[in-house]
């Protein structure tokens, strides 16, 4: 039997070690093994199951393009989601315009949704055609059903801003809240309120048209167009990573794989955005809430 000396083992190790190192590197996932996953938070515009269905493909696409794991996190309600924003649990976050301007000191906007081929959305007030209401002033003493809570930029803040601009005061109308803008429009059709606050495209949505005869409703007022729902990242994020994330989002429209991701999310594209784009929203928020919003 041959005895292998330590000298022999040393020579053998020097030959084998470079090969083992190459094998180890090949087995590692692309990207730095020590880098933790990026957490992507999406506000509960939909329930957790639908949010996952819509946005998991985007998280997977970002993971592939960034060569770093991106984990989608859903929240059961707005309170839970907002706590995550305040505690900066999310590296990437998708929320409404009011959420962004409240968190602008810790998050930096990089992009915005395009929905139904548009980069903007407006708040609107809807009434029944047979209501006799033809002006905002006639909403004094009436009941308004808003789509969402008091933090809903399009379903509440923009419609209330129009009413304030018309000379009404908050105490001069009764506010009720539907779960979402679709339900508020359906509610006014069913005479559960005198007017509904929602987005300017709400009346054309399939969920509305399948539930009611939209020909029996009319638009009372429409706000200025506002840039759509934002995407933001933590301000402490490295510039190179921030720009990479932005680039991946903006390029989704350019290829088949990206368009499938957009289709899954119910979007027609994602465009570039910066903080000043949300100054018109800030103006409305200040008027409606009476509070100063961080810039």
C-alpha atoms as a PDB file:
ATOM      1  CA  UNK A   1       0.000   0.000   0.000  1.00  0.00           C
ATOM      2  CA  UNK A   2       1.277   3.432  -0.920  1.00  0.00           C
ATOM      3  CA  UNK A   3       1.552   5.996   1.843  1.00  0.00           C
ATOM      4  CA  UNK A   4       0.591   9.525   0.769  1.00  0.00           C
ATOM      5  CA  UNK A   5       2.934  12.054   2.314  1.00  0.00           C
ATOM      6  CA  UNK A   6       1.967  15.535   3.432  1.00  0.00           C
ATOM      7  CA  UNK A   7       4.161  16.901   0.668  1.00  0.00           C
ATOM      8  CA  UNK A   8       2.094  14.959  -1.867  1.00  0.00           C
ATOM      9  CA  UNK A   9      -1.158  16.265  -0.375  1.00  0.00           C
ATOM     10  CA  UNK A  10       0.126  19.836  -0.507  1.00  0.00           C
ATOM     11  CA  UNK A  11       0.950  19.501  -4.209  1.00  0.00           C
ATOM     12  CA  UNK A  12      -2.427  17.883  -4.884  1.00  0.00           C
ATOM     13  CA  UNK A  13      -4.301  20.598  -2.939  1.00  0.00           C
ATOM     14  CA  UNK A  14      -2.561  23.342  -4.880  1.00  0.00           C
ATOM     15  CA  UNK A  15      -3.884  21.777  -8.093  1.00  0.00           C
ATOM     16  CA  UNK A  16      -7.387  21.038  -6.851  1.00  0.00           C
ATOM     17  CA  UNK A  17      -8.096  24.280  -4.937  1.00  0.00           C
ATOM     18  CA  UNK A  18      -8.472  26.552  -8.017  1.00  0.00           C
ATOM     19  CA  UNK A  19     -10.923  24.053  -9.529  1.00  0.00           C
ATOM     20  CA  UNK A  20     -12.971  23.916  -6.332  1.00  0.00           C
ATOM     21  CA  UNK A  21     -13.062  27.711  -6.210  1.00  0.00           C
ATOM     22  CA  UNK A  22     -14.390  27.881  -9.763  1.00  0.00           C
ATOM     23  CA  UNK A  23     -17.054  25.290  -9.013  1.00  0.00           C
ATOM     24  CA  UNK A  24     -18.139  27.236  -5.909  1.00  0.00           C
ATOM     25  CA  UNK A  25     -18.426  30.474  -7.850  1.00  0.00           C
ATOM     26  CA  UNK A  26     -20.439  28.778 -10.579  1.00  0.00           C
ATOM     27  CA  UNK A  27     -22.836  27.352  -8.010  1.00  0.00           C
ATOM     28  CA  UNK A  28     -23.506  30.736  -6.406  1.00  0.00           C
ATOM     29  CA  UNK A  29     -26.504  32.764  -7.639  1.00  0.00           C
ATOM     30  CA  UNK A  30     -25.612  35.714  -9.802  1.00  0.00           C
ATOM     31  CA  UNK A  31     -25.117  38.703  -7.557  1.00  0.00           C
ATOM     32  CA  UNK A  32     -23.450  39.056  -4.199  1.00  0.00           C
ATOM     33  CA  UNK A  33     -24.306  36.144  -1.931  1.00  0.00           C
ATOM     34  CA  UNK A  34     -24.266  38.335   1.179  1.00  0.00           C
ATOM     35  CA  UNK A  35     -26.831  40.816  -0.156  1.00  0.00           C
ATOM     36  CA  UNK A  36     -30.214  40.501   1.574  1.00  0.00           C
ATOM     37  CA  UNK A  37     -33.416  40.410  -0.489  1.00  0.00           C
ATOM     38  CA  UNK A  38     -34.997  43.694  -1.503  1.00  0.00           C
ATOM     39  CA  UNK A  39     -38.457  44.035   0.042  1.00  0.00           C
ATOM     40  CA  UNK A  40     -41.186  45.337  -2.277  1.00  0.00           C
ATOM     41  CA  UNK A  41     -44.321  46.582  -0.530  1.00  0.00           C
ATOM     42  CA  UNK A  42     -47.583  47.185  -2.387  1.00  0.00           C
ATOM     43  CA  UNK A  43     -50.483  49.028  -0.772  1.00  0.00           C
ATOM     44  CA  UNK A  44     -53.697  47.023  -0.320  1.00  0.00           C
ATOM     45  CA  UNK A  45     -55.566  48.449  -3.294  1.00  0.00           C
ATOM     46  CA  UNK A  46     -56.673  44.829  -3.748  1.00  0.00           C
ATOM     47  CA  UNK A  47     -56.856  41.935  -1.305  1.00  0.00           C
ATOM     48  CA  UNK A  48     -53.661  40.038  -0.492  1.00  0.00           C
ATOM     49  CA  UNK A  49     -54.369  37.196  -2.911  1.00  0.00           C
ATOM     50  CA  UNK A  50     -55.049  39.487  -5.870  1.00  0.00           C
ATOM     51  CA  UNK A  51     -52.086  41.702  -4.978  1.00  0.00           C
ATOM     52  CA  UNK A  52     -49.834  38.639  -5.097  1.00  0.00           C
ATOM     53  CA  UNK A  53     -51.293  37.506  -8.417  1.00  0.00           C
ATOM     54  CA  UNK A  54     -50.820  40.946  -9.924  1.00  0.00           C
ATOM     55  CA  UNK A  55     -47.378  41.874  -8.589  1.00  0.00           C
ATOM     56  CA  UNK A  56     -45.447  38.627  -8.002  1.00  0.00           C
ATOM     57  CA  UNK A  57     -44.441  38.546 -11.701  1.00  0.00           C
ATOM     58  CA  UNK A  58     -42.972  42.045 -11.318  1.00  0.00           C
ATOM     59  CA  UNK A  59     -40.991  41.000  -8.230  1.00  0.00           C
ATOM     60  CA  UNK A  60     -39.662  37.990 -10.154  1.00  0.00           C
ATOM     61  CA  UNK A  61     -38.762  40.167 -13.146  1.00  0.00           C
ATOM     62  CA  UNK A  62     -36.898  42.636 -10.935  1.00  0.00           C
ATOM     63  CA  UNK A  63     -35.050  39.747  -9.268  1.00  0.00           C
ATOM     64  CA  UNK A  64     -33.925  38.441 -12.642  1.00  0.00           C
ATOM     65  CA  UNK A  65     -32.850  41.798 -14.033  1.00  0.00           C
ATOM     66  CA  UNK A  66     -31.213  43.116 -10.861  1.00  0.00           C
ATOM     67  CA  UNK A  67     -29.595  39.740 -10.124  1.00  0.00           C
ATOM     68  CA  UNK A  68     -30.803  40.093  -6.582  1.00  0.00           C
ATOM     69  CA  UNK A  69     -33.816  38.574  -4.872  1.00  0.00           C
ATOM     70  CA  UNK A  70     -36.863  40.857  -4.643  1.00  0.00           C
ATOM     71  CA  UNK A  71     -39.524  39.713  -2.179  1.00  0.00           C
ATOM     72  CA  UNK A  72     -43.126  40.921  -2.506  1.00  0.00           C
ATOM     73  CA  UNK A  73     -44.780  41.743   0.827  1.00  0.00           C
ATOM     74  CA  UNK A  74     -48.538  42.245   1.099  1.00  0.00           C
ATOM     75  CA  UNK A  75     -50.496  43.833   3.949  1.00  0.00           C
ATOM     76  CA  UNK A  76     -53.913  42.791   5.224  1.00  0.00           C
ATOM     77  CA  UNK A  77     -55.014  46.427   5.668  1.00  0.00           C
ATOM     78  CA  UNK A  78     -53.873  50.023   5.216  1.00  0.00           C
ATOM     79  CA  UNK A  79     -52.823  50.400   8.859  1.00  0.00           C
ATOM     80  CA  UNK A  80     -50.427  47.467   8.579  1.00  0.00           C
ATOM     81  CA  UNK A  81     -49.102  48.707   5.250  1.00  0.00           C
ATOM     82  CA  UNK A  82     -48.577  52.247   6.507  1.00  0.00           C
ATOM     83  CA  UNK A  83     -46.723  50.997   9.578  1.00  0.00           C
ATOM     84  CA  UNK A  84     -44.331  49.300   7.179  1.00  0.00           C
ATOM     85  CA  UNK A  85     -43.800  52.609   5.360  1.00  0.00           C
ATOM     86  CA  UNK A  86     -43.192  54.529   8.585  1.00  0.00           C
ATOM     87  CA  UNK A  87     -40.704  51.920   9.778  1.00  0.00           C
ATOM     88  CA  UNK A  88     -39.039  51.853   6.326  1.00  0.00           C
ATOM     89  CA  UNK A  89     -39.456  48.104   5.997  1.00  0.00           C
ATOM     90  CA  UNK A  90     -39.846  48.405   2.236  1.00  0.00           C
ATOM     91  CA  UNK A  91     -36.930  49.005  -0.109  1.00  0.00           C
ATOM     92  CA  UNK A  92     -39.332  49.462  -3.019  1.00  0.00           C
ATOM     93  CA  UNK A  93     -42.875  50.660  -2.419  1.00  0.00           C
ATOM     94  CA  UNK A  94     -45.985  51.212  -4.525  1.00  0.00           C
ATOM     95  CA  UNK A  95     -48.749  53.351  -3.007  1.00  0.00           C
ATOM     96  CA  UNK A  96     -51.041  56.268  -3.702  1.00  0.00           C
ATOM     97  CA  UNK A  97     -50.013  59.867  -4.243  1.00  0.00           C
ATOM     98  CA  UNK A  98     -51.028  60.975  -0.746  1.00  0.00           C
ATOM     99  CA  UNK A  99     -48.987  58.166   0.805  1.00  0.00           C
ATOM    100  CA  UNK A 100     -45.946  59.312  -1.161  1.00  0.00           C
ATOM    101  CA  UNK A 101     -46.095  62.962  -0.222  1.00  0.00           C
ATOM    102  CA  UNK A 102     -46.508  61.965   3.438  1.00  0.00           C
ATOM    103  CA  UNK A 103     -43.387  59.783   3.251  1.00  0.00           C
ATOM    104  CA  UNK A 104     -41.254  61.933   0.937  1.00  0.00           C
ATOM    105  CA  UNK A 105     -38.610  62.566   3.603  1.00  0.00           C
ATOM    106  CA  UNK A 106     -37.724  58.876   3.719  1.00  0.00           C
ATOM    107  CA  UNK A 107     -38.759  57.674   0.250  1.00  0.00           C
ATOM    108  CA  UNK A 108     -37.823  58.971  -3.199  1.00  0.00           C
ATOM    109  CA  UNK A 109     -40.256  58.633  -6.078  1.00  0.00           C
ATOM    110  CA  UNK A 110     -38.799  57.098  -9.240  1.00  0.00           C
ATOM    111  CA  UNK A 111     -41.768  56.111 -11.404  1.00  0.00           C
ATOM    112  CA  UNK A 112     -45.528  56.212 -11.871  1.00  0.00           C
ATOM    113  CA  UNK A 113     -48.220  53.935 -13.237  1.00  0.00           C
ATOM    114  CA  UNK A 114     -49.758  54.177 -16.666  1.00  0.00           C
ATOM    115  CA  UNK A 115     -53.288  52.809 -16.634  1.00  0.00           C
ATOM    116  CA  UNK A 116     -55.640  52.551 -19.608  1.00  0.00           C
ATOM    117  CA  UNK A 117     -52.886  54.168 -21.666  1.00  0.00           C
ATOM    118  CA  UNK A 118     -52.755  57.295 -19.479  1.00  0.00           C
ATOM    119  CA  UNK A 119     -50.086  58.661 -17.145  1.00  0.00           C
ATOM    120  CA  UNK A 120     -52.596  60.788 -15.262  1.00  0.00           C
ATOM    121  CA  UNK A 121     -55.867  60.407 -13.423  1.00  0.00           C
ATOM    122  CA  UNK A 122     -58.392  62.924 -12.130  1.00  0.00           C
ATOM    123  CA  UNK A 123     -60.866  62.956  -9.300  1.00  0.00           C
ATOM    124  CA  UNK A 124     -64.525  63.109 -10.297  1.00  0.00           C
ATOM    125  CA  UNK A 125     -67.959  63.530  -8.751  1.00  0.00           C
ATOM    126  CA  UNK A 126     -70.821  61.503 -10.184  1.00  0.00           C
ATOM    127  CA  UNK A 127     -74.573  61.985  -9.724  1.00  0.00           C
ATOM    128  CA  UNK A 128     -77.702  60.374 -11.093  1.00  0.00           C
ATOM    129  CA  UNK A 129     -79.093  62.133 -14.151  1.00  0.00           C
ATOM    130  CA  UNK A 130     -82.512  62.279 -12.522  1.00  0.00           C
ATOM    131  CA  UNK A 131     -81.139  63.843  -9.312  1.00  0.00           C
ATOM    132  CA  UNK A 132     -81.601  67.424 -10.478  1.00  0.00           C
ATOM    133  CA  UNK A 133     -78.044  68.217  -9.322  1.00  0.00           C
ATOM    134  CA  UNK A 134     -76.210  70.251 -11.930  1.00  0.00           C
ATOM    135  CA  UNK A 135     -73.661  72.230  -9.891  1.00  0.00           C
ATOM    136  CA  UNK A 136     -71.250  71.641  -7.021  1.00  0.00           C
ATOM    137  CA  UNK A 137     -73.083  74.250  -4.954  1.00  0.00           C
ATOM    138  CA  UNK A 138     -76.114  71.960  -4.929  1.00  0.00           C
ATOM    139  CA  UNK A 139     -74.157  69.395  -2.909  1.00  0.00           C
ATOM    140  CA  UNK A 140     -74.589  71.568   0.166  1.00  0.00           C
ATOM    141  CA  UNK A 141     -76.575  69.547   2.689  1.00  0.00           C
ATOM    142  CA  UNK A 142     -76.223  66.368   0.617  1.00  0.00           C
ATOM    143  CA  UNK A 143     -74.586  62.983   1.274  1.00  0.00           C
ATOM    144  CA  UNK A 144     -71.437  62.175  -0.674  1.00  0.00           C
ATOM    145  CA  UNK A 145     -70.076  58.626  -0.883  1.00  0.00           C
ATOM    146  CA  UNK A 146     -66.320  58.645  -1.373  1.00  0.00           C
ATOM    147  CA  UNK A 147     -64.322  55.756  -2.785  1.00  0.00           C
ATOM    148  CA  UNK A 148     -61.924  54.827   0.003  1.00  0.00           C
ATOM    149  CA  UNK A 149     -60.984  56.564   3.234  1.00  0.00           C
ATOM    150  CA  UNK A 150     -59.797  60.094   3.909  1.00  0.00           C
ATOM    151  CA  UNK A 151     -56.344  59.139   2.612  1.00  0.00           C
ATOM    152  CA  UNK A 152     -57.700  58.277  -0.861  1.00  0.00           C
ATOM    153  CA  UNK A 153     -56.108  60.856  -3.169  1.00  0.00           C
ATOM    154  CA  UNK A 154     -58.491  60.406  -6.092  1.00  0.00           C
ATOM    155  CA  UNK A 155     -61.564  59.019  -4.355  1.00  0.00           C
ATOM    156  CA  UNK A 156     -61.685  61.596  -1.532  1.00  0.00           C
ATOM    157  CA  UNK A 157     -59.074  64.368  -1.520  1.00  0.00           C
ATOM    158  CA  UNK A 158     -59.500  65.513  -5.146  1.00  0.00           C
ATOM    159  CA  UNK A 159     -63.341  65.521  -5.030  1.00  0.00           C
ATOM    160  CA  UNK A 160     -63.408  67.362  -1.693  1.00  0.00           C
ATOM    161  CA  UNK A 161     -60.898  69.888  -3.065  1.00  0.00           C
ATOM    162  CA  UNK A 162     -63.293  70.677  -5.928  1.00  0.00           C
ATOM    163  CA  UNK A 163     -66.137  71.158  -3.463  1.00  0.00           C
ATOM    164  CA  UNK A 164     -64.055  73.485  -1.296  1.00  0.00           C
ATOM    165  CA  UNK A 165     -63.067  75.478  -4.374  1.00  0.00           C
ATOM    166  CA  UNK A 166     -66.766  75.862  -5.157  1.00  0.00           C
ATOM    167  CA  UNK A 167     -67.338  77.478  -1.771  1.00  0.00           C
ATOM    168  CA  UNK A 168     -68.603  74.528   0.257  1.00  0.00           C
ATOM    169  CA  UNK A 169     -67.292  73.735   3.724  1.00  0.00           C
ATOM    170  CA  UNK A 170     -66.691  70.231   5.039  1.00  0.00           C
ATOM    171  CA  UNK A 171     -69.399  70.603   7.642  1.00  0.00           C
ATOM    172  CA  UNK A 172     -71.931  71.443   4.921  1.00  0.00           C
ATOM    173  CA  UNK A 173     -72.114  67.938   3.490  1.00  0.00           C
ATOM    174  CA  UNK A 174     -72.255  64.434   4.954  1.00  0.00           C
ATOM    175  CA  UNK A 175     -69.375  62.130   4.048  1.00  0.00           C
ATOM    176  CA  UNK A 176     -69.823  58.386   3.692  1.00  0.00           C
ATOM    177  CA  UNK A 177     -67.154  55.951   2.593  1.00  0.00           C
ATOM    178  CA  UNK A 178     -67.304  52.942   0.311  1.00  0.00           C
ATOM    179  CA  UNK A 179     -64.585  50.306   0.272  1.00  0.00           C
ATOM    180  CA  UNK A 180     -63.364  51.524  -3.113  1.00  0.00           C
ATOM    181  CA  UNK A 181     -64.299  53.920  -5.946  1.00  0.00           C
ATOM    182  CA  UNK A 182     -66.197  51.227  -7.841  1.00  0.00           C
ATOM    183  CA  UNK A 183     -68.520  50.713  -4.885  1.00  0.00           C
ATOM    184  CA  UNK A 184     -69.045  54.446  -4.433  1.00  0.00           C
ATOM    185  CA  UNK A 185     -70.253  54.823  -8.028  1.00  0.00           C
ATOM    186  CA  UNK A 186     -72.516  51.796  -7.697  1.00  0.00           C
ATOM    187  CA  UNK A 187     -73.793  53.214  -4.406  1.00  0.00           C
ATOM    188  CA  UNK A 188     -74.912  56.524  -5.872  1.00  0.00           C
ATOM    189  CA  UNK A 189     -76.663  54.714  -8.700  1.00  0.00           C
ATOM    190  CA  UNK A 190     -78.584  52.764  -6.054  1.00  0.00           C
ATOM    191  CA  UNK A 191     -79.503  56.032  -4.313  1.00  0.00           C
ATOM    192  CA  UNK A 192     -77.379  55.290  -1.248  1.00  0.00           C
ATOM    193  CA  UNK A 193     -75.920  58.800  -1.586  1.00  0.00           C
ATOM    194  CA  UNK A 194     -76.476  61.926  -3.652  1.00  0.00           C
ATOM    195  CA  UNK A 195     -73.035  61.937  -5.264  1.00  0.00           C
ATOM    196  CA  UNK A 196     -69.990  59.688  -5.532  1.00  0.00           C
ATOM    197  CA  UNK A 197     -66.306  60.592  -5.358  1.00  0.00           C
ATOM    198  CA  UNK A 198     -64.101  58.420  -7.588  1.00  0.00           C
ATOM    199  CA  UNK A 199     -61.628  58.565 -10.458  1.00  0.00           C
ATOM    200  CA  UNK A 200     -62.546  59.967 -13.851  1.00  0.00           C
ATOM    201  CA  UNK A 201     -62.263  56.497 -15.404  1.00  0.00           C
ATOM    202  CA  UNK A 202     -64.368  54.731 -12.764  1.00  0.00           C
ATOM    203  CA  UNK A 203     -67.620  54.848 -14.706  1.00  0.00           C
ATOM    204  CA  UNK A 204     -66.015  52.992 -17.590  1.00  0.00           C
ATOM    205  CA  UNK A 205     -64.624  50.104 -15.551  1.00  0.00           C
ATOM    206  CA  UNK A 206     -65.997  46.660 -16.289  1.00  0.00           C
ATOM    207  CA  UNK A 207     -66.935  46.070 -12.638  1.00  0.00           C
ATOM    208  CA  UNK A 208     -69.149  49.166 -12.711  1.00  0.00           C
ATOM    209  CA  UNK A 209     -70.691  48.589 -16.128  1.00  0.00           C
ATOM    210  CA  UNK A 210     -71.578  45.009 -15.268  1.00  0.00           C
ATOM    211  CA  UNK A 211     -73.329  46.069 -12.044  1.00  0.00           C
ATOM    212  CA  UNK A 212     -75.363  49.101 -13.104  1.00  0.00           C
ATOM    213  CA  UNK A 213     -76.666  51.036 -16.092  1.00  0.00           C
ATOM    214  CA  UNK A 214     -74.031  53.759 -16.324  1.00  0.00           C
ATOM    215  CA  UNK A 215     -76.182  55.717 -18.781  1.00  0.00           C
ATOM    216  CA  UNK A 216     -78.231  56.770 -15.754  1.00  0.00           C
ATOM    217  CA  UNK A 217     -75.233  58.584 -14.232  1.00  0.00           C
ATOM    218  CA  UNK A 218     -73.444  61.759 -15.238  1.00  0.00           C
ATOM    219  CA  UNK A 219     -70.199  63.462 -14.301  1.00  0.00           C
ATOM    220  CA  UNK A 220     -70.834  66.557 -12.193  1.00  0.00           C
ATOM    221  CA  UNK A 221     -67.226  67.754 -11.988  1.00  0.00           C
ATOM    222  CA  UNK A 222     -63.708  66.587 -12.838  1.00  0.00           C
ATOM    223  CA  UNK A 223     -60.502  67.800 -11.185  1.00  0.00           C
ATOM    224  CA  UNK A 224     -57.253  68.704 -12.911  1.00  0.00           C
ATOM    225  CA  UNK A 225     -55.328  65.716 -14.202  1.00  0.00           C
ATOM    226  CA  UNK A 226     -52.833  64.392 -11.646  1.00  0.00           C
ATOM    227  CA  UNK A 227     -49.838  62.126 -12.177  1.00  0.00           C
ATOM    228  CA  UNK A 228     -50.732  58.512 -11.485  1.00  0.00           C
ATOM    229  CA  UNK A 229     -49.836  56.189  -8.596  1.00  0.00           C
ATOM    230  CA  UNK A 230     -46.123  56.361  -7.690  1.00  0.00           C
ATOM    231  CA  UNK A 231     -43.301  53.886  -7.191  1.00  0.00           C
ATOM    232  CA  UNK A 232     -40.635  54.908  -4.695  1.00  0.00           C
ATOM    233  CA  UNK A 233     -37.483  53.586  -3.026  1.00  0.00           C
ATOM    234  CA  UNK A 234     -35.850  54.320   0.313  1.00  0.00           C
ATOM    235  CA  UNK A 235     -33.857  57.554   0.169  1.00  0.00           C
ATOM    236  CA  UNK A 236     -30.957  55.769   1.864  1.00  0.00           C
ATOM    237  CA  UNK A 237     -30.660  53.365  -1.089  1.00  0.00           C
ATOM    238  CA  UNK A 238     -27.441  53.543  -3.100  1.00  0.00           C
ATOM    239  CA  UNK A 239     -27.850  55.639  -6.236  1.00  0.00           C
ATOM    240  CA  UNK A 240     -26.624  52.831  -8.508  1.00  0.00           C
ATOM    241  CA  UNK A 241     -29.280  50.441  -7.194  1.00  0.00           C
ATOM    242  CA  UNK A 242     -32.010  53.102  -7.326  1.00  0.00           C
ATOM    243  CA  UNK A 243     -31.196  53.878 -10.952  1.00  0.00           C
ATOM    244  CA  UNK A 244     -31.108  50.179 -11.835  1.00  0.00           C
ATOM    245  CA  UNK A 245     -34.569  49.617 -10.356  1.00  0.00           C
ATOM    246  CA  UNK A 246     -35.914  52.663 -12.178  1.00  0.00           C
ATOM    247  CA  UNK A 247     -34.405  51.478 -15.457  1.00  0.00           C
ATOM    248  CA  UNK A 248     -35.995  48.021 -15.156  1.00  0.00           C
ATOM    249  CA  UNK A 249     -39.416  49.562 -14.464  1.00  0.00           C
ATOM    250  CA  UNK A 250     -39.217  52.026 -17.344  1.00  0.00           C
ATOM    251  CA  UNK A 251     -38.119  49.348 -19.819  1.00  0.00           C
ATOM    252  CA  UNK A 252     -41.079  47.035 -19.174  1.00  0.00           C
ATOM    253  CA  UNK A 253     -42.976  48.363 -22.192  1.00  0.00           C
ATOM    254  CA  UNK A 254     -40.077  47.615 -24.529  1.00  0.00           C
ATOM    255  CA  UNK A 255     -40.195  43.803 -24.589  1.00  0.00           C
ATOM    256  CA  UNK A 256     -42.620  40.885 -24.589  1.00  0.00           C
ATOM    257  CA  UNK A 257     -41.562  39.691 -21.127  1.00  0.00           C
ATOM    258  CA  UNK A 258     -42.027  43.163 -19.664  1.00  0.00           C
ATOM    259  CA  UNK A 259     -45.409  43.630 -21.301  1.00  0.00           C
ATOM    260  CA  UNK A 260     -46.595  40.364 -19.756  1.00  0.00           C
ATOM    261  CA  UNK A 261     -45.525  41.683 -16.341  1.00  0.00           C
ATOM    262  CA  UNK A 262     -47.474  44.890 -16.960  1.00  0.00           C
ATOM    263  CA  UNK A 263     -50.527  42.982 -18.130  1.00  0.00           C
ATOM    264  CA  UNK A 264     -50.466  40.885 -14.958  1.00  0.00           C
ATOM    265  CA  UNK A 265     -50.434  44.065 -12.862  1.00  0.00           C
ATOM    266  CA  UNK A 266     -53.257  45.631 -14.886  1.00  0.00           C
ATOM    267  CA  UNK A 267     -50.968  48.362 -16.216  1.00  0.00           C
ATOM    268  CA  UNK A 268     -50.194  49.652 -19.676  1.00  0.00           C
ATOM    269  CA  UNK A 269     -46.798  51.018 -18.701  1.00  0.00           C
ATOM    270  CA  UNK A 270     -44.634  52.660 -16.064  1.00  0.00           C
ATOM    271  CA  UNK A 271     -43.187  56.138 -16.611  1.00  0.00           C
ATOM    272  CA  UNK A 272     -40.473  58.223 -14.981  1.00  0.00           C
ATOM    273  CA  UNK A 273     -41.419  60.475 -12.061  1.00  0.00           C
ATOM    274  CA  UNK A 274     -39.731  62.924  -9.719  1.00  0.00           C
ATOM    275  CA  UNK A 275     -40.778  64.684  -6.544  1.00  0.00           C
ATOM    276  CA  UNK A 276     -41.923  67.964  -8.117  1.00  0.00           C
ATOM    277  CA  UNK A 277     -44.458  66.040 -10.214  1.00  0.00           C
ATOM    278  CA  UNK A 278     -46.485  65.616  -7.021  1.00  0.00           C
ATOM    279  CA  UNK A 279     -46.627  69.313  -6.080  1.00  0.00           C
ATOM    280  CA  UNK A 280     -50.184  69.660  -7.511  1.00  0.00           C
ATOM    281  CA  UNK A 281     -51.242  66.812  -5.226  1.00  0.00           C
ATOM    282  CA  UNK A 282     -49.634  68.593  -2.262  1.00  0.00           C
ATOM    283  CA  UNK A 283     -51.681  71.698  -2.995  1.00  0.00           C
ATOM    284  CA  UNK A 284     -54.902  69.692  -2.803  1.00  0.00           C
ATOM    285  CA  UNK A 285     -53.854  67.841   0.339  1.00  0.00           C
ATOM    286  CA  UNK A 286     -53.019  71.068   2.168  1.00  0.00           C
ATOM    287  CA  UNK A 287     -56.385  72.569   1.259  1.00  0.00           C
ATOM    288  CA  UNK A 288     -58.369  69.484   2.292  1.00  0.00           C
ATOM    289  CA  UNK A 289     -56.481  68.371   5.404  1.00  0.00           C
ATOM    290  CA  UNK A 290     -55.209  71.737   6.602  1.00  0.00           C
ATOM    291  CA  UNK A 291     -51.814  70.201   7.312  1.00  0.00           C
ATOM    292  CA  UNK A 292     -48.371  70.883   5.959  1.00  0.00           C
ATOM    293  CA  UNK A 293     -47.014  67.941   4.008  1.00  0.00           C
ATOM    294  CA  UNK A 294     -43.251  67.174   4.067  1.00  0.00           C
ATOM    295  CA  UNK A 295     -41.500  68.160   0.859  1.00  0.00           C
END
